[in-house]
């Protein structure tokens, strides 16, 4: 006999009859009707070719064959039950788990100092690797478990993904302290007259900045285009170029590079920065712990 030849629910009925010896008691225990219990027993009798239980004044008494089946079936059902109900434990203080988090260079600048400082206190054995959060490849990497979490503005990750909002932020203009805007202020006219560094950030949601500016009918004087944000602070510090950047990036670069920021005169939609994970990791204890730590540390 093969497993596909038998309904395993019949073995649950069999095990309960061994334990309680009364059809009414088994029906109550399993939450089904007495006729359904009797029907299950009849089906099992046909499959196994034995009466299995005999009705007596003392209840349902197992046959010798049923008694030989009692221990192995009880053990097998107990093993299945325990396996399905096990709750894996995760101890951050003692683990040496390695996590991979997808984020942009802005994310590395904004999140990693605080995250690594926190991990040093509560989970010193954990190591972190980062990869770029370009949505065209990130979906596949998270589906196969190569990336544990993603942090950022990733509107394309929807189906099969969960997310929690960390904060919303606006875009601002970034320029050096000695810039003429530091005295005169940044207006639409000065924004149009200024020379700009444009950040492409291909594969991320930040590409919508140029689209939003164009839709507003504004034509920027772009003198420099770079693929990412990491050099923008250095560039703006040494030139009169201005950059339109997320407020989180500005917050981390103003002091180190002696820069100033001002609201962008062109209306650009606010963005939502989320922590995201794939459904495959939704109940995985270490993933649950890390994303909660990120939320506790950075959510506003």
Protein backbone atom coordinates (compact mmCIF):
# COMPACT_ATOMS: atom_id res chain seq x y z
CA UNK A 1 0.00 0.00 0.00
CA UNK A 2 1.23 3.50 -0.89
CA UNK A 3 0.46 6.70 1.02
CA UNK A 4 -1.58 8.02 -1.88
CA UNK A 5 -3.91 5.03 -1.44
CA UNK A 6 -5.15 6.26 1.93
CA UNK A 7 -6.66 9.44 3.31
CA UNK A 8 -4.42 10.39 6.25
CA UNK A 9 -7.45 11.91 8.00
CA UNK A 10 -8.68 8.34 8.49
CA UNK A 11 -5.58 7.66 10.60
CA UNK A 12 -6.46 10.63 12.81
CA UNK A 13 -9.87 9.04 13.43
CA UNK A 14 -8.19 5.68 14.07
CA UNK A 15 -5.80 7.25 16.60
CA UNK A 16 -8.62 9.01 18.44
CA UNK A 17 -10.69 5.80 18.59
CA UNK A 18 -7.72 4.04 20.15
CA UNK A 19 -7.50 6.78 22.74
CA UNK A 20 -11.18 7.37 23.57
CA UNK A 21 -12.90 4.10 22.53
CA UNK A 22 -16.28 5.84 21.92
CA UNK A 23 -17.55 7.23 18.64
CA UNK A 24 -19.41 10.08 20.39
CA UNK A 25 -16.28 11.17 22.24
CA UNK A 26 -14.20 11.10 19.05
CA UNK A 27 -16.83 13.11 17.21
CA UNK A 28 -16.71 15.77 19.93
CA UNK A 29 -12.92 15.79 20.00
CA UNK A 30 -12.52 16.20 16.23
CA UNK A 31 -15.51 18.49 15.80
CA UNK A 32 -17.35 16.30 13.27
CA UNK A 33 -20.56 14.24 13.40
CA UNK A 34 -20.89 10.66 14.67
CA UNK A 35 -22.04 9.42 11.23
CA UNK A 36 -18.88 10.95 9.74
CA UNK A 37 -16.77 9.03 12.28
CA UNK A 38 -18.58 5.79 11.45
CA UNK A 39 -18.13 6.43 7.73
CA UNK A 40 -14.40 7.07 8.21
CA UNK A 41 -14.05 3.82 10.18
CA UNK A 42 -15.86 1.86 7.46
CA UNK A 43 -13.56 3.30 4.79
CA UNK A 44 -10.49 2.42 6.86
CA UNK A 45 -11.78 -1.13 7.37
CA UNK A 46 -12.07 -1.62 3.62
CA UNK A 47 -8.60 -0.22 2.95
CA UNK A 48 -6.88 -2.30 5.65
CA UNK A 49 -9.03 -5.42 5.37
CA UNK A 50 -9.73 -5.67 9.10
CA UNK A 51 -12.59 -4.77 11.45
CA UNK A 52 -10.11 -2.71 13.53
CA UNK A 53 -12.67 -1.98 16.29
CA UNK A 54 -15.44 -4.13 17.74
CA UNK A 55 -18.47 -2.59 19.43
CA UNK A 56 -18.88 -3.87 23.04
CA UNK A 57 -20.57 -2.77 26.23
CA UNK A 58 -17.29 -1.13 27.20
CA UNK A 59 -16.99 0.82 23.97
CA UNK A 60 -14.98 0.23 20.81
CA UNK A 61 -12.36 -2.43 21.47
CA UNK A 62 -9.40 -2.66 19.05
CA UNK A 63 -8.70 -5.90 17.23
CA UNK A 64 -5.24 -7.48 17.52
CA UNK A 65 -4.33 -6.02 14.13
CA UNK A 66 -5.40 -2.55 15.27
CA UNK A 67 -3.22 -2.93 18.36
CA UNK A 68 -0.18 -3.69 16.19
CA UNK A 69 -0.85 -0.48 14.26
CA UNK A 70 -1.41 1.66 17.33
CA UNK A 71 2.18 2.55 18.25
CA UNK A 72 3.62 3.28 14.78
CA UNK A 73 0.57 5.30 13.68
CA UNK A 74 0.52 7.26 16.94
CA UNK A 75 4.24 7.98 16.62
CA UNK A 76 3.91 9.05 12.98
CA UNK A 77 0.98 11.38 13.68
CA UNK A 78 2.76 12.85 16.69
CA UNK A 79 5.87 13.52 14.59
CA UNK A 80 3.83 15.22 11.88
CA UNK A 81 1.98 17.35 14.45
CA UNK A 82 5.17 18.43 16.21
CA UNK A 83 6.88 19.24 12.91
CA UNK A 84 4.02 21.41 11.71
CA UNK A 85 3.75 23.26 15.02
CA UNK A 86 7.41 23.81 15.76
CA UNK A 87 8.41 27.44 16.30
CA UNK A 88 12.04 27.97 15.30
CA UNK A 89 13.94 30.09 17.78
CA UNK A 90 16.25 32.94 16.85
CA UNK A 91 18.69 34.34 19.39
CA UNK A 92 20.22 37.56 18.00
CA UNK A 93 22.76 37.78 20.81
CA UNK A 94 24.42 34.48 19.93
CA UNK A 95 23.82 34.09 16.19
CA UNK A 96 26.44 34.51 13.49
CA UNK A 97 23.75 34.97 10.80
CA UNK A 98 24.67 36.90 7.66
CA UNK A 99 21.99 39.13 6.10
CA UNK A 100 21.87 40.75 2.67
CA UNK A 101 19.96 44.02 2.37
CA UNK A 102 19.19 45.84 -0.85
CA UNK A 103 19.46 49.62 -0.73
CA UNK A 104 20.76 52.55 -2.75
CA UNK A 105 23.89 54.48 -1.92
CA UNK A 106 21.57 56.96 -0.16
CA UNK A 107 20.33 54.08 1.96
CA UNK A 108 23.89 53.10 2.84
CA UNK A 109 24.66 56.67 3.90
CA UNK A 110 21.43 57.13 5.85
CA UNK A 111 20.76 53.70 7.39
CA UNK A 112 24.01 51.80 7.81
CA UNK A 113 25.72 53.91 10.51
CA UNK A 114 22.73 53.65 12.85
CA UNK A 115 21.98 50.04 11.94
CA UNK A 116 25.53 48.83 12.55
CA UNK A 117 25.72 50.74 15.81
CA UNK A 118 22.52 49.06 17.00
CA UNK A 119 23.64 45.60 15.89
CA UNK A 120 26.90 46.00 17.78
CA UNK A 121 24.86 46.30 20.97
CA UNK A 122 22.22 43.60 20.49
CA UNK A 123 23.62 41.18 17.89
CA UNK A 124 27.42 41.48 17.63
CA UNK A 125 27.78 38.28 15.58
CA UNK A 126 25.52 39.40 12.74
CA UNK A 127 27.12 40.52 9.48
CA UNK A 128 25.48 42.68 6.82
CA UNK A 129 26.09 42.81 3.08
CA UNK A 130 24.40 45.37 0.85
CA UNK A 131 23.43 45.19 -2.81
CA UNK A 132 21.86 47.78 -5.06
CA UNK A 133 18.07 47.82 -5.03
CA UNK A 134 17.47 47.97 -8.77
CA UNK A 135 13.96 46.63 -9.20
CA UNK A 136 14.65 44.81 -12.48
CA UNK A 137 16.88 42.24 -10.73
CA UNK A 138 15.84 42.65 -7.11
CA UNK A 139 12.53 40.79 -7.50
CA UNK A 140 14.29 37.61 -8.64
CA UNK A 141 16.97 37.87 -5.96
CA UNK A 142 14.40 38.20 -3.19
CA UNK A 143 12.22 35.41 -4.61
CA UNK A 144 15.13 32.96 -4.44
CA UNK A 145 16.28 34.14 -1.02
CA UNK A 146 19.54 35.82 -2.08
CA UNK A 147 18.34 39.12 -0.57
CA UNK A 148 16.64 39.19 2.84
CA UNK A 149 15.28 42.74 2.96
CA UNK A 150 15.05 45.82 0.77
CA UNK A 151 14.93 49.34 2.12
CA UNK A 152 14.00 52.33 0.01
CA UNK A 153 11.56 53.77 -2.48
CA UNK A 154 10.59 50.73 -4.56
CA UNK A 155 7.10 51.21 -6.03
CA UNK A 156 7.53 48.31 -8.49
CA UNK A 157 7.74 45.61 -5.79
CA UNK A 158 4.12 44.68 -5.15
CA UNK A 159 2.90 41.14 -5.88
CA UNK A 160 4.23 38.58 -3.34
CA UNK A 161 5.94 41.31 -1.30
CA UNK A 162 5.15 42.75 2.12
CA UNK A 163 6.17 46.21 3.25
CA UNK A 164 6.09 48.58 6.20
CA UNK A 165 6.46 52.31 5.88
CA UNK A 166 9.45 53.86 7.62
CA UNK A 167 8.87 57.50 6.70
CA UNK A 168 7.82 59.91 3.99
CA UNK A 169 10.16 62.57 2.68
CA UNK A 170 10.33 65.38 0.20
CA UNK A 171 12.97 66.38 -2.31
CA UNK A 172 15.14 69.42 -1.60
CA UNK A 173 17.83 71.37 -3.42
CA UNK A 174 21.40 71.01 -2.22
CA UNK A 175 24.16 73.62 -2.70
CA UNK A 176 27.34 74.87 -1.04
CA UNK A 177 27.31 77.48 1.72
CA UNK A 178 29.14 80.06 -0.39
CA UNK A 179 26.67 79.73 -3.25
CA UNK A 180 24.79 82.89 -4.31
CA UNK A 181 21.57 81.15 -3.22
CA UNK A 182 22.84 81.26 0.35
CA UNK A 183 22.20 85.01 0.33
CA UNK A 184 19.45 85.52 -2.22
CA UNK A 185 17.39 82.40 -1.59
CA UNK A 186 16.26 79.78 -4.08
CA UNK A 187 13.39 80.88 -6.33
CA UNK A 188 11.96 79.36 -9.49
CA UNK A 189 13.93 81.89 -11.51
CA UNK A 190 17.22 81.08 -9.82
CA UNK A 191 16.45 77.36 -10.08
CA UNK A 192 16.08 77.76 -13.87
CA UNK A 193 19.25 79.83 -14.15
CA UNK A 194 21.37 77.50 -12.01
CA UNK A 195 23.58 74.75 -13.36
CA UNK A 196 22.51 71.32 -12.15
CA UNK A 197 24.01 67.94 -11.42
CA UNK A 198 21.40 65.29 -12.24
CA UNK A 199 21.40 61.88 -10.54
CA UNK A 200 20.11 59.11 -12.82
CA UNK A 201 19.78 56.36 -10.15
CA UNK A 202 18.66 53.91 -12.84
CA UNK A 203 16.41 51.09 -11.68
CA UNK A 204 15.13 52.95 -8.60
CA UNK A 205 12.10 55.12 -7.95
CA UNK A 206 14.28 58.26 -7.92
CA UNK A 207 14.13 58.34 -11.69
CA UNK A 208 10.76 60.06 -11.37
CA UNK A 209 12.48 63.35 -10.37
CA UNK A 210 13.35 64.31 -13.94
CA UNK A 211 9.89 63.20 -15.08
CA UNK A 212 8.17 65.35 -12.44
CA UNK A 213 10.27 68.40 -13.35
CA UNK A 214 9.57 67.95 -17.06
CA UNK A 215 5.84 67.57 -16.43
CA UNK A 216 5.94 70.88 -14.58
CA UNK A 217 7.21 72.46 -17.81
CA UNK A 218 10.63 73.19 -16.34
CA UNK A 219 13.79 72.70 -18.36
CA UNK A 220 16.84 72.39 -16.12
CA UNK A 221 20.32 73.45 -17.20
CA UNK A 222 21.99 70.09 -16.53
CA UNK A 223 25.79 70.33 -16.78
CA UNK A 224 26.60 66.97 -15.19
CA UNK A 225 24.88 63.59 -14.96
CA UNK A 226 26.02 60.91 -12.53
CA UNK A 227 24.64 57.39 -12.03
CA UNK A 228 24.36 57.55 -8.23
CA UNK A 229 24.39 59.86 -5.23
CA UNK A 230 27.65 58.93 -3.55
CA UNK A 231 29.77 61.68 -5.17
CA UNK A 232 27.14 64.42 -5.12
CA UNK A 233 28.26 65.92 -1.80
CA UNK A 234 31.84 66.24 -3.05
CA UNK A 235 30.74 67.76 -6.35
CA UNK A 236 28.35 70.32 -4.88
CA UNK A 237 30.90 71.29 -2.21
CA UNK A 238 33.45 72.35 -4.82
CA UNK A 239 31.22 73.90 -7.53
CA UNK A 240 28.19 76.10 -8.03
CA UNK A 241 26.17 73.13 -9.26
CA UNK A 242 22.98 72.36 -7.37
CA UNK A 243 21.32 68.96 -6.94
CA UNK A 244 17.75 67.83 -6.30
CA UNK A 245 18.03 65.09 -3.68
CA UNK A 246 15.87 63.29 -1.11
CA UNK A 247 15.77 65.03 2.25
CA UNK A 248 17.31 61.99 3.98
CA UNK A 249 20.42 62.33 1.83
CA UNK A 250 20.62 66.05 2.53
CA UNK A 251 20.34 65.44 6.27
CA UNK A 252 23.45 63.24 6.20
CA UNK A 253 25.57 65.48 3.94
CA UNK A 254 24.92 69.05 5.13
CA UNK A 255 27.40 69.03 8.03
CA UNK A 256 30.17 66.80 6.60
CA UNK A 257 30.33 68.80 3.34
CA UNK A 258 29.39 72.25 4.71
CA UNK A 259 26.30 72.44 2.51
CA UNK A 260 22.87 74.07 2.64
CA UNK A 261 19.48 72.88 1.46
CA UNK A 262 16.26 74.62 0.45
CA UNK A 263 12.79 73.46 -0.60
CA UNK A 264 12.65 72.68 -4.30
CA UNK A 265 10.61 75.37 -6.14
CA UNK A 266 9.28 72.68 -8.51
CA UNK A 267 6.65 70.47 -6.91
CA UNK A 268 7.94 66.90 -6.79
CA UNK A 269 5.74 64.24 -5.13
CA UNK A 270 6.90 63.06 -1.73
CA UNK A 271 8.28 59.55 -1.64
CA UNK A 272 7.66 56.76 0.86
CA UNK A 273 10.65 54.85 2.16
CA UNK A 274 9.69 51.29 3.11
CA UNK A 275 11.26 48.14 4.40
CA UNK A 276 10.18 45.29 2.11
CA UNK A 277 10.45 41.50 2.21
CA UNK A 278 9.29 38.60 0.07
CA UNK A 279 6.43 36.35 1.17
CA UNK A 280 8.86 33.41 1.49
CA UNK A 281 10.42 35.16 4.52
CA UNK A 282 7.23 36.47 6.07
CA UNK A 283 7.28 34.01 9.01
CA UNK A 284 11.03 33.33 9.12
CA UNK A 285 12.14 34.28 12.68
CA UNK A 286 15.48 35.93 11.86
CA UNK A 287 13.92 37.97 9.05
CA UNK A 288 11.06 39.01 11.35
CA UNK A 289 13.58 40.11 13.96
CA UNK A 290 15.73 42.15 11.56
CA UNK A 291 12.87 44.00 9.91
CA UNK A 292 11.38 44.84 13.32
CA UNK A 293 14.75 46.20 14.42
CA UNK A 294 14.94 48.35 11.28
CA UNK A 295 11.40 49.59 11.89
CA UNK A 296 12.07 50.40 15.56
CA UNK A 297 15.29 52.20 14.69
CA UNK A 298 14.15 54.30 11.73
CA UNK A 299 10.36 54.55 11.51
CA UNK A 300 8.91 57.99 12.05
